[in-house]
Amino acid sequence: MDSYQFYKSLYDRELNRRKDLDAAINLPITILTILVAANSYLIGKEVTIQQKYIVVCSSILLTLLLVSFLVSIFYLIRSYNNLFKGFGYGNLGLTTEIRNFELIEIPKYNAQVDETKKLNFEAIIINKLTQYTDDHIVFNDKRSFDLHRAKTFIIITLVLTGFEFLIITLKYLTA
């Protein structure tokens, strides 16, 4: 098995995973937008509620909805941009610098040292690939977990919105 190809495929996989995680943000944002619209509609309907138990239930649900919504947004922001800190995805560098290192700096260094201390370009590249791949795996796992949390709270918000619709429907049935 070619070590370089193996580590490069892992590195490429994590870069693709990064793109997939960036794209995975779109659907949760769309769902949250729809939930905001639906809950805005419901809040407008609640002004006319007369029964005290429905007002209390509705107020509790709205509070839970707001908390769930804000937590979802928090995790989406954290998944997308690590709360404005960003993610330190590393790259090997500019290709001209790498080529210069391979053709000029390594031979110059190897000419000055004995045989046991000579540098191997492929080994250096593999070491860098594994280092960056490990960092990317950590970042992508964190982003994936945060996205999972955001989706969980979006589902909670969706369920709570459904309950809110039921309360409004109860209001009209009992009126």
N, C-alpha and C. Protein backbone atom coordinates (compact mmCIF):
# COMPACT_ATOMS: atom_id res chain seq x y z
N MET A 1 0.85 -1.18 0.00
CA MET A 1 0.00 0.00 0.00
C MET A 1 0.89 1.24 0.00
N ASP A 2 0.52 2.21 -0.81
CA ASP A 2 1.27 3.45 -0.89
C ASP A 2 0.84 4.38 0.25
N SER A 3 1.75 4.67 1.15
CA SER A 3 1.43 5.49 2.33
C SER A 3 0.93 6.87 1.94
N TYR A 4 1.61 7.48 0.98
CA TYR A 4 1.23 8.82 0.58
C TYR A 4 -0.22 8.87 0.09
N GLN A 5 -0.61 7.95 -0.78
CA GLN A 5 -1.97 7.93 -1.31
C GLN A 5 -3.00 7.69 -0.21
N PHE A 6 -2.65 6.86 0.75
CA PHE A 6 -3.56 6.59 1.87
C PHE A 6 -3.81 7.85 2.68
N TYR A 7 -2.76 8.54 3.08
CA TYR A 7 -2.92 9.74 3.89
C TYR A 7 -3.53 10.90 3.11
N LYS A 8 -3.23 10.97 1.84
CA LYS A 8 -3.82 12.00 1.00
C LYS A 8 -5.32 11.76 0.86
N SER A 9 -5.73 10.50 0.73
CA SER A 9 -7.17 10.22 0.62
C SER A 9 -7.90 10.59 1.91
N LEU A 10 -7.27 10.38 3.06
CA LEU A 10 -7.88 10.79 4.33
C LEU A 10 -7.99 12.31 4.40
N TYR A 11 -6.94 12.99 3.97
CA TYR A 11 -6.94 14.45 3.96
C TYR A 11 -8.05 14.97 3.04
N ASP A 12 -8.15 14.41 1.84
CA ASP A 12 -9.19 14.82 0.89
C ASP A 12 -10.58 14.53 1.43
N ARG A 13 -10.73 13.41 2.12
CA ARG A 13 -12.02 13.06 2.70
C ARG A 13 -12.46 14.11 3.72
N GLU A 14 -11.54 14.56 4.53
CA GLU A 14 -11.89 15.57 5.54
C GLU A 14 -12.18 16.92 4.90
N LEU A 15 -11.51 17.25 3.82
CA LEU A 15 -11.84 18.50 3.11
C LEU A 15 -13.23 18.42 2.49
N ASN A 16 -13.59 17.26 1.95
CA ASN A 16 -14.95 17.07 1.41
C ASN A 16 -15.98 17.10 2.53
N ARG A 17 -15.63 16.52 3.65
CA ARG A 17 -16.54 16.55 4.81
C ARG A 17 -16.78 17.98 5.27
N ARG A 18 -15.74 18.80 5.19
CA ARG A 18 -15.87 20.22 5.55
C ARG A 18 -16.89 20.90 4.64
N LYS A 19 -16.81 20.65 3.35
CA LYS A 19 -17.76 21.24 2.40
C LYS A 19 -19.18 20.73 2.68
N ASP A 20 -19.30 19.45 2.99
CA ASP A 20 -20.61 18.89 3.30
C ASP A 20 -21.21 19.53 4.55
N LEU A 21 -20.38 19.77 5.55
CA LEU A 21 -20.87 20.42 6.77
C LEU A 21 -21.27 21.87 6.51
N ASP A 22 -20.53 22.55 5.64
CA ASP A 22 -20.93 23.91 5.27
C ASP A 22 -22.29 23.91 4.59
N ALA A 23 -22.52 22.95 3.71
CA ALA A 23 -23.79 22.87 2.98
C ALA A 23 -24.93 22.40 3.87
N ALA A 24 -24.62 21.64 4.90
CA ALA A 24 -25.65 21.08 5.77
C ALA A 24 -26.33 22.15 6.63
N ILE A 25 -25.81 23.34 6.67
CA ILE A 25 -26.38 24.43 7.47
C ILE A 25 -27.66 24.97 6.82
N ASN A 26 -27.77 24.87 5.51
CA ASN A 26 -28.87 25.52 4.78
C ASN A 26 -30.25 25.04 5.20
N LEU A 27 -30.46 23.74 5.28
CA LEU A 27 -31.78 23.23 5.64
C LEU A 27 -32.21 23.64 7.05
N PRO A 28 -31.36 23.52 8.07
CA PRO A 28 -31.77 23.99 9.39
C PRO A 28 -32.14 25.48 9.42
N ILE A 29 -31.40 26.29 8.67
CA ILE A 29 -31.73 27.72 8.64
C ILE A 29 -33.08 27.94 7.99
N THR A 30 -33.38 27.21 6.94
CA THR A 30 -34.68 27.31 6.28
C THR A 30 -35.80 26.89 7.21
N ILE A 31 -35.60 25.80 7.91
CA ILE A 31 -36.63 25.33 8.86
C ILE A 31 -36.83 26.34 9.98
N LEU A 32 -35.74 26.90 10.50
CA LEU A 32 -35.88 27.92 11.55
C LEU A 32 -36.63 29.15 11.04
N THR A 33 -36.40 29.53 9.81
CA THR A 33 -37.12 30.67 9.23
C THR A 33 -38.62 30.38 9.17
N ILE A 34 -38.97 29.18 8.74
CA ILE A 34 -40.38 28.79 8.68
C ILE A 34 -40.98 28.77 10.08
N LEU A 35 -40.22 28.27 11.05
CA LEU A 35 -40.72 28.23 12.43
C LEU A 35 -40.93 29.63 13.00
N VAL A 36 -40.04 30.55 12.66
CA VAL A 36 -40.22 31.94 13.12
C VAL A 36 -41.51 32.51 12.52
N ALA A 37 -41.73 32.26 11.25
CA ALA A 37 -42.95 32.76 10.59
C ALA A 37 -44.19 32.15 11.23
N ALA A 38 -44.16 30.85 11.45
CA ALA A 38 -45.32 30.17 12.04
C ALA A 38 -45.59 30.68 13.45
N ASN A 39 -44.55 30.86 14.23
CA ASN A 39 -44.75 31.33 15.61
C ASN A 39 -45.13 32.80 15.65
N SER A 40 -44.69 33.58 14.70
CA SER A 40 -45.13 34.97 14.62
C SER A 40 -46.63 35.01 14.35
N TYR A 41 -47.09 34.15 13.49
CA TYR A 41 -48.52 34.05 13.20
C TYR A 41 -49.28 33.65 14.47
N LEU A 42 -48.75 32.67 15.18
CA LEU A 42 -49.42 32.20 16.40
C LEU A 42 -49.47 33.28 17.47
N ILE A 43 -48.40 34.03 17.61
CA ILE A 43 -48.38 35.10 18.62
C ILE A 43 -49.47 36.13 18.29
N GLY A 44 -49.66 36.42 17.03
CA GLY A 44 -50.72 37.35 16.62
C GLY A 44 -52.10 36.81 16.95
N LYS A 45 -52.28 35.51 16.89
CA LYS A 45 -53.57 34.90 17.21
C LYS A 45 -53.82 34.83 18.70
N GLU A 46 -52.78 34.84 19.50
CA GLU A 46 -52.95 34.67 20.95
C GLU A 46 -53.50 35.91 21.64
N VAL A 47 -53.50 37.03 20.99
CA VAL A 47 -53.98 38.26 21.61
C VAL A 47 -55.44 38.13 22.03
N THR A 48 -56.19 37.33 21.29
CA THR A 48 -57.63 37.22 21.56
C THR A 48 -57.99 36.09 22.51
N ILE A 49 -57.01 35.40 23.06
CA ILE A 49 -57.32 34.27 23.95
C ILE A 49 -57.94 34.77 25.25
N GLN A 50 -59.05 34.14 25.64
CA GLN A 50 -59.77 34.54 26.84
C GLN A 50 -59.54 33.59 28.01
N GLN A 51 -59.45 32.29 27.76
CA GLN A 51 -59.35 31.30 28.83
C GLN A 51 -57.97 31.37 29.50
N LYS A 52 -58.00 31.39 30.84
CA LYS A 52 -56.77 31.56 31.60
C LYS A 52 -55.81 30.38 31.43
N TYR A 53 -56.31 29.16 31.44
CA TYR A 53 -55.42 27.99 31.35
C TYR A 53 -54.73 27.94 29.98
N ILE A 54 -55.41 28.41 28.95
CA ILE A 54 -54.79 28.44 27.62
C ILE A 54 -53.71 29.51 27.57
N VAL A 55 -53.94 30.64 28.23
CA VAL A 55 -52.94 31.71 28.26
C VAL A 55 -51.68 31.23 28.98
N VAL A 56 -51.85 30.54 30.10
CA VAL A 56 -50.70 30.04 30.87
C VAL A 56 -49.93 29.00 30.06
N CYS A 57 -50.64 28.03 29.49
CA CYS A 57 -49.98 27.00 28.66
C CYS A 57 -49.26 27.64 27.48
N SER A 58 -49.92 28.56 26.86
CA SER A 58 -49.35 29.21 25.70
C SER A 58 -48.11 30.02 26.08
N SER A 59 -48.12 30.70 27.21
CA SER A 59 -46.96 31.47 27.66
C SER A 59 -45.77 30.58 27.98
N ILE A 60 -46.05 29.46 28.61
CA ILE A 60 -44.97 28.50 28.92
C ILE A 60 -44.39 27.95 27.62
N LEU A 61 -45.26 27.58 26.70
CA LEU A 61 -44.78 27.05 25.42
C LEU A 61 -43.96 28.08 24.64
N LEU A 62 -44.41 29.32 24.65
CA LEU A 62 -43.66 30.36 23.95
C LEU A 62 -42.29 30.58 24.57
N THR A 63 -42.20 30.50 25.88
CA THR A 63 -40.91 30.62 26.55
C THR A 63 -39.98 29.47 26.16
N LEU A 64 -40.52 28.26 26.20
CA LEU A 64 -39.73 27.10 25.78
C LEU A 64 -39.34 27.20 24.31
N LEU A 65 -40.26 27.68 23.49
CA LEU A 65 -39.97 27.87 22.07
C LEU A 65 -38.82 28.84 21.87
N LEU A 66 -38.85 29.94 22.57
CA LEU A 66 -37.80 30.95 22.44
C LEU A 66 -36.45 30.39 22.86
N VAL A 67 -36.42 29.68 23.98
CA VAL A 67 -35.16 29.08 24.46
C VAL A 67 -34.65 28.06 23.45
N SER A 68 -35.53 27.19 22.98
CA SER A 68 -35.13 26.18 22.01
C SER A 68 -34.64 26.80 20.71
N PHE A 69 -35.32 27.83 20.27
CA PHE A 69 -34.93 28.54 19.06
C PHE A 69 -33.55 29.18 19.21
N LEU A 70 -33.32 29.85 20.34
CA LEU A 70 -32.03 30.50 20.58
C LEU A 70 -30.89 29.49 20.71
N VAL A 71 -31.16 28.37 21.35
CA VAL A 71 -30.14 27.33 21.47
C VAL A 71 -29.82 26.76 20.09
N SER A 72 -30.84 26.57 19.26
CA SER A 72 -30.60 26.09 17.89
C SER A 72 -29.71 27.06 17.12
N ILE A 73 -30.00 28.33 17.22
CA ILE A 73 -29.19 29.34 16.53
C ILE A 73 -27.75 29.33 17.06
N PHE A 74 -27.61 29.21 18.37
CA PHE A 74 -26.28 29.15 18.98
C PHE A 74 -25.46 28.01 18.38
N TYR A 75 -26.04 26.81 18.33
CA TYR A 75 -25.29 25.67 17.80
C TYR A 75 -25.07 25.76 16.30
N LEU A 76 -25.99 26.38 15.57
CA LEU A 76 -25.76 26.58 14.14
C LEU A 76 -24.57 27.53 13.91
N ILE A 77 -24.53 28.60 14.67
CA ILE A 77 -23.41 29.55 14.54
C ILE A 77 -22.11 28.86 14.93
N ARG A 78 -22.17 28.09 15.99
CA ARG A 78 -20.96 27.40 16.44
C ARG A 78 -20.49 26.36 15.42
N SER A 79 -21.45 25.69 14.78
CA SER A 79 -21.09 24.71 13.76
C SER A 79 -20.55 25.37 12.51
N TYR A 80 -21.10 26.51 12.17
CA TYR A 80 -20.70 27.15 10.92
C TYR A 80 -19.40 27.93 11.04
N ASN A 81 -19.24 28.65 12.16
CA ASN A 81 -18.07 29.51 12.26
C ASN A 81 -17.43 29.53 13.65
N ASN A 82 -17.71 28.54 14.46
CA ASN A 82 -17.09 28.42 15.78
C ASN A 82 -17.24 29.70 16.59
N LEU A 83 -18.45 30.25 16.59
CA LEU A 83 -18.77 31.47 17.34
C LEU A 83 -17.81 32.61 17.00
N PHE A 84 -17.67 32.89 15.73
CA PHE A 84 -16.89 34.00 15.21
C PHE A 84 -15.38 33.83 15.34
N LYS A 85 -14.92 32.71 15.89
CA LYS A 85 -13.49 32.45 15.98
C LYS A 85 -12.97 31.78 14.71
N GLY A 86 -13.85 31.09 14.02
CA GLY A 86 -13.45 30.36 12.83
C GLY A 86 -12.77 29.05 13.18
N PHE A 87 -12.49 28.29 12.17
CA PHE A 87 -11.78 27.03 12.35
C PHE A 87 -10.43 27.15 11.67
N GLY A 88 -9.42 26.63 12.29
CA GLY A 88 -8.06 26.75 11.78
C GLY A 88 -7.68 25.63 10.84
N TYR A 89 -8.46 25.45 9.78
CA TYR A 89 -8.11 24.42 8.80
C TYR A 89 -6.75 24.75 8.19
N GLY A 90 -5.84 23.79 8.24
CA GLY A 90 -4.51 24.01 7.72
C GLY A 90 -4.34 23.46 6.31
N ASN A 91 -3.40 24.02 5.62
CA ASN A 91 -3.04 23.55 4.28
C ASN A 91 -1.54 23.38 4.22
N LEU A 92 -1.10 22.65 3.23
CA LEU A 92 0.33 22.38 3.09
C LEU A 92 1.12 23.62 2.71
N GLY A 93 0.51 24.56 2.06
CA GLY A 93 1.21 25.77 1.66
C GLY A 93 1.11 25.97 0.16
N LEU A 94 1.77 27.00 -0.31
CA LEU A 94 1.77 27.28 -1.73
C LEU A 94 2.60 26.24 -2.47
N THR A 95 2.14 25.86 -3.64
CA THR A 95 2.84 24.82 -4.39
C THR A 95 4.25 25.24 -4.78
N THR A 96 4.46 26.53 -5.05
CA THR A 96 5.82 26.97 -5.40
C THR A 96 6.76 26.84 -4.20
N GLU A 97 6.25 27.11 -3.00
CA GLU A 97 7.07 26.95 -1.80
C GLU A 97 7.41 25.48 -1.55
N ILE A 98 6.43 24.62 -1.77
CA ILE A 98 6.66 23.18 -1.58
C ILE A 98 7.68 22.67 -2.58
N ARG A 99 7.53 23.09 -3.82
CA ARG A 99 8.47 22.66 -4.86
C ARG A 99 9.87 23.20 -4.58
N ASN A 100 9.98 24.43 -4.12
CA ASN A 100 11.26 25.01 -3.75
C ASN A 100 11.89 24.22 -2.61
N PHE A 101 11.08 23.84 -1.63
CA PHE A 101 11.55 23.05 -0.50
C PHE A 101 12.09 21.70 -0.98
N GLU A 102 11.33 21.08 -1.90
CA GLU A 102 11.72 19.75 -2.40
C GLU A 102 13.01 19.80 -3.24
N LEU A 103 13.11 20.76 -4.13
CA LEU A 103 14.22 20.78 -5.09
C LEU A 103 15.45 21.55 -4.65
N ILE A 104 15.29 22.50 -3.73
CA ILE A 104 16.43 23.34 -3.35
C ILE A 104 16.83 23.12 -1.89
N GLU A 105 15.88 23.30 -0.97
CA GLU A 105 16.23 23.28 0.45
C GLU A 105 16.61 21.89 0.96
N ILE A 106 15.85 20.88 0.57
CA ILE A 106 16.17 19.52 1.05
C ILE A 106 17.53 19.06 0.52
N PRO A 107 17.81 19.18 -0.80
CA PRO A 107 19.14 18.77 -1.25
C PRO A 107 20.28 19.56 -0.60
N LYS A 108 20.06 20.86 -0.38
CA LYS A 108 21.08 21.69 0.27
C LYS A 108 21.31 21.21 1.70
N TYR A 109 20.25 20.92 2.44
CA TYR A 109 20.36 20.42 3.81
C TYR A 109 21.02 19.04 3.81
N ASN A 110 20.56 18.15 2.92
CA ASN A 110 21.10 16.79 2.89
C ASN A 110 22.58 16.75 2.53
N ALA A 111 23.04 17.73 1.78
CA ALA A 111 24.46 17.78 1.42
C ALA A 111 25.33 18.15 2.62
N GLN A 112 24.74 18.76 3.64
CA GLN A 112 25.51 19.24 4.79
C GLN A 112 25.51 18.28 5.97
N VAL A 113 24.63 17.28 5.95
CA VAL A 113 24.51 16.38 7.11
C VAL A 113 24.92 14.96 6.71
N ASP A 114 25.13 14.14 7.74
CA ASP A 114 25.48 12.75 7.43
C ASP A 114 24.23 11.95 7.03
N GLU A 115 24.43 10.74 6.63
CA GLU A 115 23.38 9.90 6.04
C GLU A 115 22.19 9.67 6.98
N THR A 116 22.41 9.58 8.27
CA THR A 116 21.32 9.29 9.21
C THR A 116 20.39 10.47 9.45
N LYS A 117 20.83 11.67 9.15
CA LYS A 117 20.02 12.86 9.41
C LYS A 117 19.41 13.46 8.15
N LYS A 118 19.54 12.79 7.02
CA LYS A 118 19.02 13.32 5.77
C LYS A 118 17.49 13.31 5.79
N LEU A 119 16.95 14.30 5.12
CA LEU A 119 15.49 14.46 5.05
C LEU A 119 14.93 13.72 3.84
N ASN A 120 13.72 13.19 4.02
CA ASN A 120 13.01 12.51 2.95
C ASN A 120 11.75 13.34 2.67
N PHE A 121 11.65 13.87 1.47
CA PHE A 121 10.54 14.75 1.12
C PHE A 121 9.19 14.06 1.31
N GLU A 122 9.07 12.82 0.85
CA GLU A 122 7.79 12.12 0.96
C GLU A 122 7.39 11.93 2.42
N ALA A 123 8.34 11.60 3.27
CA ALA A 123 8.05 11.43 4.70
C ALA A 123 7.60 12.75 5.33
N ILE A 124 8.22 13.84 4.92
CA ILE A 124 7.83 15.16 5.46
C ILE A 124 6.40 15.50 5.03
N ILE A 125 6.08 15.26 3.77
CA ILE A 125 4.73 15.54 3.27
C ILE A 125 3.70 14.66 3.98
N ILE A 126 4.02 13.39 4.15
CA ILE A 126 3.09 12.48 4.85
C ILE A 126 2.88 12.95 6.29
N ASN A 127 3.95 13.38 6.96
CA ASN A 127 3.81 13.88 8.34
C ASN A 127 2.90 15.11 8.38
N LYS A 128 3.09 16.02 7.43
CA LYS A 128 2.23 17.22 7.38
C LYS A 128 0.78 16.83 7.09
N LEU A 129 0.59 15.92 6.13
CA LEU A 129 -0.78 15.48 5.80
C LEU A 129 -1.46 14.87 7.02
N THR A 130 -0.75 14.03 7.75
CA THR A 130 -1.37 13.41 8.92
C THR A 130 -1.68 14.45 10.00
N GLN A 131 -0.79 15.42 10.17
CA GLN A 131 -1.02 16.48 11.16
C GLN A 131 -2.27 17.29 10.79
N TYR A 132 -2.36 17.73 9.54
CA TYR A 132 -3.51 18.52 9.10
C TYR A 132 -4.79 17.69 9.09
N THR A 133 -4.68 16.44 8.70
CA THR A 133 -5.86 15.56 8.68
C THR A 133 -6.40 15.38 10.10
N ASP A 134 -5.51 15.17 11.06
CA ASP A 134 -5.96 15.05 12.46
C ASP A 134 -6.68 16.30 12.92
N ASP A 135 -6.12 17.47 12.59
CA ASP A 135 -6.78 18.73 12.95
C ASP A 135 -8.15 18.84 12.29
N HIS A 136 -8.22 18.49 11.01
CA HIS A 136 -9.49 18.57 10.28
C HIS A 136 -10.52 17.60 10.85
N ILE A 137 -10.09 16.42 11.25
CA ILE A 137 -11.01 15.46 11.85
C ILE A 137 -11.60 16.03 13.14
N VAL A 138 -10.75 16.63 13.96
CA VAL A 138 -11.23 17.22 15.22
C VAL A 138 -12.23 18.34 14.93
N PHE A 139 -11.88 19.24 14.00
CA PHE A 139 -12.78 20.34 13.66
C PHE A 139 -14.10 19.81 13.10
N ASN A 140 -14.02 18.87 12.17
CA ASN A 140 -15.24 18.36 11.52
C ASN A 140 -16.12 17.58 12.49
N ASP A 141 -15.50 16.83 13.39
CA ASP A 141 -16.29 16.12 14.40
C ASP A 141 -17.02 17.10 15.31
N LYS A 142 -16.33 18.16 15.72
CA LYS A 142 -16.95 19.20 16.55
C LYS A 142 -18.10 19.86 15.81
N ARG A 143 -17.87 20.21 14.55
CA ARG A 143 -18.91 20.85 13.75
C ARG A 143 -20.10 19.92 13.55
N SER A 144 -19.82 18.65 13.31
CA SER A 144 -20.88 17.68 13.11
C SER A 144 -21.72 17.52 14.37
N PHE A 145 -21.05 17.46 15.52
CA PHE A 145 -21.77 17.33 16.78
C PHE A 145 -22.61 18.57 17.07
N ASP A 146 -22.07 19.76 16.80
CA ASP A 146 -22.83 20.99 17.00
C ASP A 146 -24.03 21.05 16.05
N LEU A 147 -23.84 20.60 14.83
CA LEU A 147 -24.95 20.57 13.87
C LEU A 147 -26.02 19.59 14.33
N HIS A 148 -25.60 18.47 14.89
CA HIS A 148 -26.54 17.50 15.45
C HIS A 148 -27.35 18.13 16.59
N ARG A 149 -26.67 18.84 17.47
CA ARG A 149 -27.37 19.51 18.57
C ARG A 149 -28.37 20.54 18.04
N ALA A 150 -27.95 21.31 17.04
CA ALA A 150 -28.84 22.32 16.46
C ALA A 150 -30.08 21.66 15.89
N LYS A 151 -29.90 20.58 15.16
CA LYS A 151 -31.05 19.87 14.57
C LYS A 151 -31.96 19.31 15.65
N THR A 152 -31.38 18.83 16.74
CA THR A 152 -32.18 18.32 17.85
C THR A 152 -33.07 19.42 18.42
N PHE A 153 -32.50 20.60 18.63
CA PHE A 153 -33.29 21.70 19.17
C PHE A 153 -34.29 22.25 18.14
N ILE A 154 -33.97 22.12 16.87
CA ILE A 154 -34.95 22.51 15.84
C ILE A 154 -36.15 21.58 15.89
N ILE A 155 -35.90 20.30 16.08
CA ILE A 155 -37.01 19.34 16.20
C ILE A 155 -37.84 19.65 17.43
N ILE A 156 -37.18 19.99 18.53
CA ILE A 156 -37.92 20.38 19.75
C ILE A 156 -38.77 21.61 19.47
N THR A 157 -38.19 22.59 18.77
CA THR A 157 -38.93 23.80 18.42
C THR A 157 -40.12 23.46 17.53
N LEU A 158 -39.92 22.55 16.61
CA LEU A 158 -40.99 22.12 15.72
C LEU A 158 -42.13 21.46 16.50
N VAL A 159 -41.78 20.61 17.43
CA VAL A 159 -42.80 19.93 18.26
C VAL A 159 -43.54 20.96 19.13
N LEU A 160 -42.80 21.88 19.73
CA LEU A 160 -43.44 22.90 20.55
C LEU A 160 -44.35 23.80 19.72
N THR A 161 -43.96 24.09 18.49
CA THR A 161 -44.82 24.87 17.60
C THR A 161 -46.09 24.10 17.29
N GLY A 162 -45.96 22.79 17.11
CA GLY A 162 -47.15 21.95 16.90
C GLY A 162 -48.10 22.02 18.10
N PHE A 163 -47.54 21.96 19.30
CA PHE A 163 -48.37 22.10 20.51
C PHE A 163 -49.03 23.47 20.56
N GLU A 164 -48.30 24.49 20.15
CA GLU A 164 -48.86 25.84 20.13
C GLU A 164 -50.04 25.92 19.16
N PHE A 165 -49.90 25.28 18.01
CA PHE A 165 -51.01 25.22 17.06
C PHE A 165 -52.21 24.50 17.68
N LEU A 166 -51.94 23.43 18.43
CA LEU A 166 -53.03 22.71 19.10
C LEU A 166 -53.75 23.59 20.12
N ILE A 167 -52.99 24.38 20.85
CA ILE A 167 -53.59 25.29 21.84
C ILE A 167 -54.48 26.31 21.15
N ILE A 168 -54.00 26.87 20.05
CA ILE A 168 -54.82 27.85 19.31
C ILE A 168 -56.07 27.17 18.76
N THR A 169 -55.93 25.94 18.29
CA THR A 169 -57.10 25.21 17.79
C THR A 169 -58.07 24.93 18.92
N LEU A 170 -57.58 24.57 20.09
CA LEU A 170 -58.43 24.37 21.28
C LEU A 170 -59.17 25.64 21.62
N LYS A 171 -58.49 26.75 21.50
CA LYS A 171 -59.10 28.04 21.81
C LYS A 171 -60.32 28.28 20.91
N TYR A 172 -60.13 27.97 19.63
CA TYR A 172 -61.26 28.20 18.70
C TYR A 172 -62.36 27.16 18.90
N LEU A 173 -62.03 25.97 19.32
CA LEU A 173 -63.05 24.94 19.56
C LEU A 173 -63.85 25.20 20.82
N THR A 174 -63.20 25.80 21.84
CA THR A 174 -63.88 26.05 23.10
C THR A 174 -64.55 27.42 23.14
N ALA A 175 -64.29 28.24 22.14
CA ALA A 175 -64.88 29.59 22.13
C ALA A 175 -66.31 29.58 21.71
